[in-house]
Amino acid sequence: QVQVVESGGGLVQPGGSLRLSCAASGNTFGIYRMGWYRRAPGKQRELVADITNGISTNYADSVKGRFTISRDNAKNTVFLQMNNLKPEDTAVYYCNADVILNTYWGQGTQVTVSS
């Protein structure tokens, strides 16, 4: 019913920036929340940021002040602007979309922060 596709990952030096995109398609009218998660090797998946009803946002403590989540409601797309990236931000970043009775996940996009 809903498809989610992430893009924008890549290799960046410490202190650099990346902007990730997450496009939802299909039956998108019921989406009330979208979020970004990440999974580093050997670690559990963790919430990075989410946005509910296009207004309310939450951030992990580790990214506050550096990352910003936003949503383009007309295009059903969520962005994650990542500034001042650190090596510990290296992970596969996943996007999800919540409807009232289900959650849909993308396949992820790799972010590598290294000098």
C-alpha atoms as a PDB file:
ATOM      1  CA  GLN A   1       0.000   0.000   0.000  1.00  0.00           C
ATOM      2  CA  VAL A   2       2.875   2.367   0.805  1.00  0.00           C
ATOM      3  CA  GLN A   3       6.360   2.278  -0.658  1.00  0.00           C
ATOM      4  CA  VAL A   4       9.272   4.087   0.960  1.00  0.00           C
ATOM      5  CA  VAL A   5      12.553   4.884  -0.808  1.00  0.00           C
ATOM      6  CA  GLU A   6      15.585   6.598   0.721  1.00  0.00           C
ATOM      7  CA  SER A   7      18.309   8.408  -1.171  1.00  0.00           C
ATOM      8  CA  GLY A   8      21.164  10.835  -0.617  1.00  0.00           C
ATOM      9  CA  GLY A   9      23.681   8.787   1.314  1.00  0.00           C
ATOM     10  CA  GLY A  10      27.372   8.760   0.572  1.00  0.00           C
ATOM     11  CA  LEU A  11      30.879   9.381   1.844  1.00  0.00           C
ATOM     12  CA  VAL A  12      31.620  12.645   3.612  1.00  0.00           C
ATOM     13  CA  GLN A  13      34.468  14.001   5.711  1.00  0.00           C
ATOM     14  CA  PRO A  14      33.995  14.812   9.393  1.00  0.00           C
ATOM     15  CA  GLY A  15      32.363  18.203   9.721  1.00  0.00           C
ATOM     16  CA  GLY A  16      30.664  17.865   6.366  1.00  0.00           C
ATOM     17  CA  SER A  17      26.985  17.730   5.498  1.00  0.00           C
ATOM     18  CA  LEU A  18      24.545  15.453   3.721  1.00  0.00           C
ATOM     19  CA  ARG A  19      20.858  15.726   2.956  1.00  0.00           C
ATOM     20  CA  LEU A  20      18.857  12.503   2.897  1.00  0.00           C
ATOM     21  CA  SER A  21      15.501  12.166   1.179  1.00  0.00           C
ATOM     22  CA  CYS A  22      12.680   9.717   1.841  1.00  0.00           C
ATOM     23  CA  ALA A  23       9.886   9.470  -0.700  1.00  0.00           C
ATOM     24  CA  ALA A  24       6.634   7.699   0.141  1.00  0.00           C
ATOM     25  CA  SER A  25       4.272   6.570  -2.581  1.00  0.00           C
ATOM     26  CA  GLY A  26       1.083   4.565  -2.917  1.00  0.00           C
ATOM     27  CA  ASN A  27      -1.735   5.150  -0.441  1.00  0.00           C
ATOM     28  CA  THR A  28      -0.027   8.027   1.324  1.00  0.00           C
ATOM     29  CA  PHE A  29      -3.065   9.920   2.594  1.00  0.00           C
ATOM     30  CA  GLY A  30      -3.076   8.054   5.899  1.00  0.00           C
ATOM     31  CA  ILE A  31       0.548   8.768   6.813  1.00  0.00           C
ATOM     32  CA  TYR A  32       0.687  10.730  10.052  1.00  0.00           C
ATOM     33  CA  ARG A  33       4.300  10.169  11.066  1.00  0.00           C
ATOM     34  CA  MET A  34       7.577   9.615   9.264  1.00  0.00           C
ATOM     35  CA  GLY A  35      10.923   8.986  10.826  1.00  0.00           C
ATOM     36  CA  TRP A  36      14.598   8.381  10.254  1.00  0.00           C
ATOM     37  CA  TYR A  37      16.467   5.546  11.954  1.00  0.00           C
ATOM     38  CA  ARG A  38      20.006   4.293  11.664  1.00  0.00           C
ATOM     39  CA  ARG A  39      21.864   1.069  12.266  1.00  0.00           C
ATOM     40  CA  ALA A  40      25.612   0.902  12.702  1.00  0.00           C
ATOM     41  CA  PRO A  41      27.473  -2.425  12.431  1.00  0.00           C
ATOM     42  CA  GLY A  42      27.026  -4.458  15.596  1.00  0.00           C
ATOM     43  CA  LYS A  43      24.463  -2.065  17.041  1.00  0.00           C
ATOM     44  CA  GLN A  44      20.707  -1.959  17.344  1.00  0.00           C
ATOM     45  CA  ARG A  45      18.662   0.247  15.103  1.00  0.00           C
ATOM     46  CA  GLU A  46      18.005   3.577  16.776  1.00  0.00           C
ATOM     47  CA  LEU A  47      15.672   6.469  16.190  1.00  0.00           C
ATOM     48  CA  VAL A  48      17.402   9.528  14.774  1.00  0.00           C
ATOM     49  CA  ALA A  49      14.480  11.876  14.212  1.00  0.00           C
ATOM     50  CA  ASP A  50      10.797  11.813  13.405  1.00  0.00           C
ATOM     51  CA  ILE A  51       8.032  14.198  12.448  1.00  0.00           C
ATOM     52  CA  THR A  52       4.353  13.764  13.282  1.00  0.00           C
ATOM     53  CA  ASN A  53       1.522  15.460  11.400  1.00  0.00           C
ATOM     54  CA  GLY A  54       4.125  17.561   9.641  1.00  0.00           C
ATOM     55  CA  ILE A  55       4.642  19.647  12.769  1.00  0.00           C
ATOM     56  CA  SER A  56       5.984  17.896  15.857  1.00  0.00           C
ATOM     57  CA  THR A  57       9.592  16.698  15.758  1.00  0.00           C
ATOM     58  CA  ASN A  58      11.817  14.570  17.974  1.00  0.00           C
ATOM     59  CA  TYR A  59      15.558  14.017  17.846  1.00  0.00           C
ATOM     60  CA  ALA A  60      18.019  11.660  19.416  1.00  0.00           C
ATOM     61  CA  ASP A  61      20.241  13.433  21.909  1.00  0.00           C
ATOM     62  CA  SER A  62      23.298  12.537  19.849  1.00  0.00           C
ATOM     63  CA  VAL A  63      22.088  14.534  16.836  1.00  0.00           C
ATOM     64  CA  LYS A  64      20.317  17.494  18.432  1.00  0.00           C
ATOM     65  CA  GLY A  65      21.594  20.752  17.035  1.00  0.00           C
ATOM     66  CA  ARG A  66      23.176  19.015  14.048  1.00  0.00           C
ATOM     67  CA  PHE A  67      20.325  17.235  12.226  1.00  0.00           C
ATOM     68  CA  THR A  68      17.005  18.646  11.052  1.00  0.00           C
ATOM     69  CA  ILE A  69      13.994  16.683   9.844  1.00  0.00           C
ATOM     70  CA  SER A  70      11.374  18.254   7.606  1.00  0.00           C
ATOM     71  CA  ARG A  71       8.462  17.092   5.478  1.00  0.00           C
ATOM     72  CA  ASP A  72       7.096  18.189   2.144  1.00  0.00           C
ATOM     73  CA  ASN A  73       3.470  17.134   2.526  1.00  0.00           C
ATOM     74  CA  ALA A  74       2.595  17.809  -1.098  1.00  0.00           C
ATOM     75  CA  LYS A  75       5.228  15.347  -2.284  1.00  0.00           C
ATOM     76  CA  ASN A  76       5.024  12.936   0.672  1.00  0.00           C
ATOM     77  CA  THR A  77       8.740  13.326   1.142  1.00  0.00           C
ATOM     78  CA  VAL A  78      10.774  13.680   4.325  1.00  0.00           C
ATOM     79  CA  PHE A  79      14.281  15.096   4.465  1.00  0.00           C
ATOM     80  CA  LEU A  80      17.070  14.759   6.974  1.00  0.00           C
ATOM     81  CA  GLN A  81      19.608  17.555   6.830  1.00  0.00           C
ATOM     82  CA  MET A  82      22.776  16.362   8.549  1.00  0.00           C
ATOM     83  CA  ASN A  83      25.397  18.949   9.444  1.00  0.00           C
ATOM     84  CA  ASN A  84      28.700  18.715  11.299  1.00  0.00           C
ATOM     85  CA  LEU A  85      28.838  15.000  10.683  1.00  0.00           C
ATOM     86  CA  LYS A  86      30.968  12.833  12.938  1.00  0.00           C
ATOM     87  CA  PRO A  87      32.498   9.389  12.370  1.00  0.00           C
ATOM     88  CA  GLU A  88      30.025   7.943  14.863  1.00  0.00           C
ATOM     89  CA  ASP A  89      27.217   8.970  12.515  1.00  0.00           C
ATOM     90  CA  THR A  90      28.353   6.259  10.101  1.00  0.00           C
ATOM     91  CA  ALA A  91      25.447   3.867   9.603  1.00  0.00           C
ATOM     92  CA  VAL A  92      22.761   2.704   7.251  1.00  0.00           C
ATOM     93  CA  TYR A  93      19.937   5.209   7.523  1.00  0.00           C
ATOM     94  CA  TYR A  94      16.372   3.971   7.171  1.00  0.00           C
ATOM     95  CA  CYS A  95      13.148   5.867   6.688  1.00  0.00           C
ATOM     96  CA  ASN A  96       9.727   4.712   7.796  1.00  0.00           C
ATOM     97  CA  ALA A  97       6.151   5.878   7.427  1.00  0.00           C
ATOM     98  CA  ASP A  98       3.364   5.216   9.920  1.00  0.00           C
ATOM     99  CA  VAL A  99      -0.284   4.804   9.115  1.00  0.00           C
ATOM    100  CA  ILE A 100      -2.874   3.949  11.751  1.00  0.00           C
ATOM    101  CA  LEU A 101      -2.478   0.169  11.489  1.00  0.00           C
ATOM    102  CA  ASN A 102       0.890  -0.370   9.852  1.00  0.00           C
ATOM    103  CA  THR A 103       4.443   0.842   9.428  1.00  0.00           C
ATOM    104  CA  TYR A 104       6.389   0.794   6.172  1.00  0.00           C
ATOM    105  CA  TRP A 105      10.165   0.750   5.852  1.00  0.00           C
ATOM    106  CA  GLY A 106      12.620   1.620   3.138  1.00  0.00           C
ATOM    107  CA  GLN A 107      15.730  -0.351   2.258  1.00  0.00           C
ATOM    108  CA  GLY A 108      18.186   2.156   3.676  1.00  0.00           C
ATOM    109  CA  THR A 109      20.971   4.372   2.412  1.00  0.00           C
ATOM    110  CA  GLN A 110      24.597   4.194   3.557  1.00  0.00           C
ATOM    111  CA  VAL A 111      26.203   7.182   5.233  1.00  0.00           C
ATOM    112  CA  THR A 112      29.937   6.986   5.854  1.00  0.00           C
ATOM    113  CA  VAL A 113      31.790   9.748   7.696  1.00  0.00           C
ATOM    114  CA  SER A 114      35.534   9.347   7.376  1.00  0.00           C
ATOM    115  CA  SER A 115      38.654  11.347   6.671  1.00  0.00           C
END
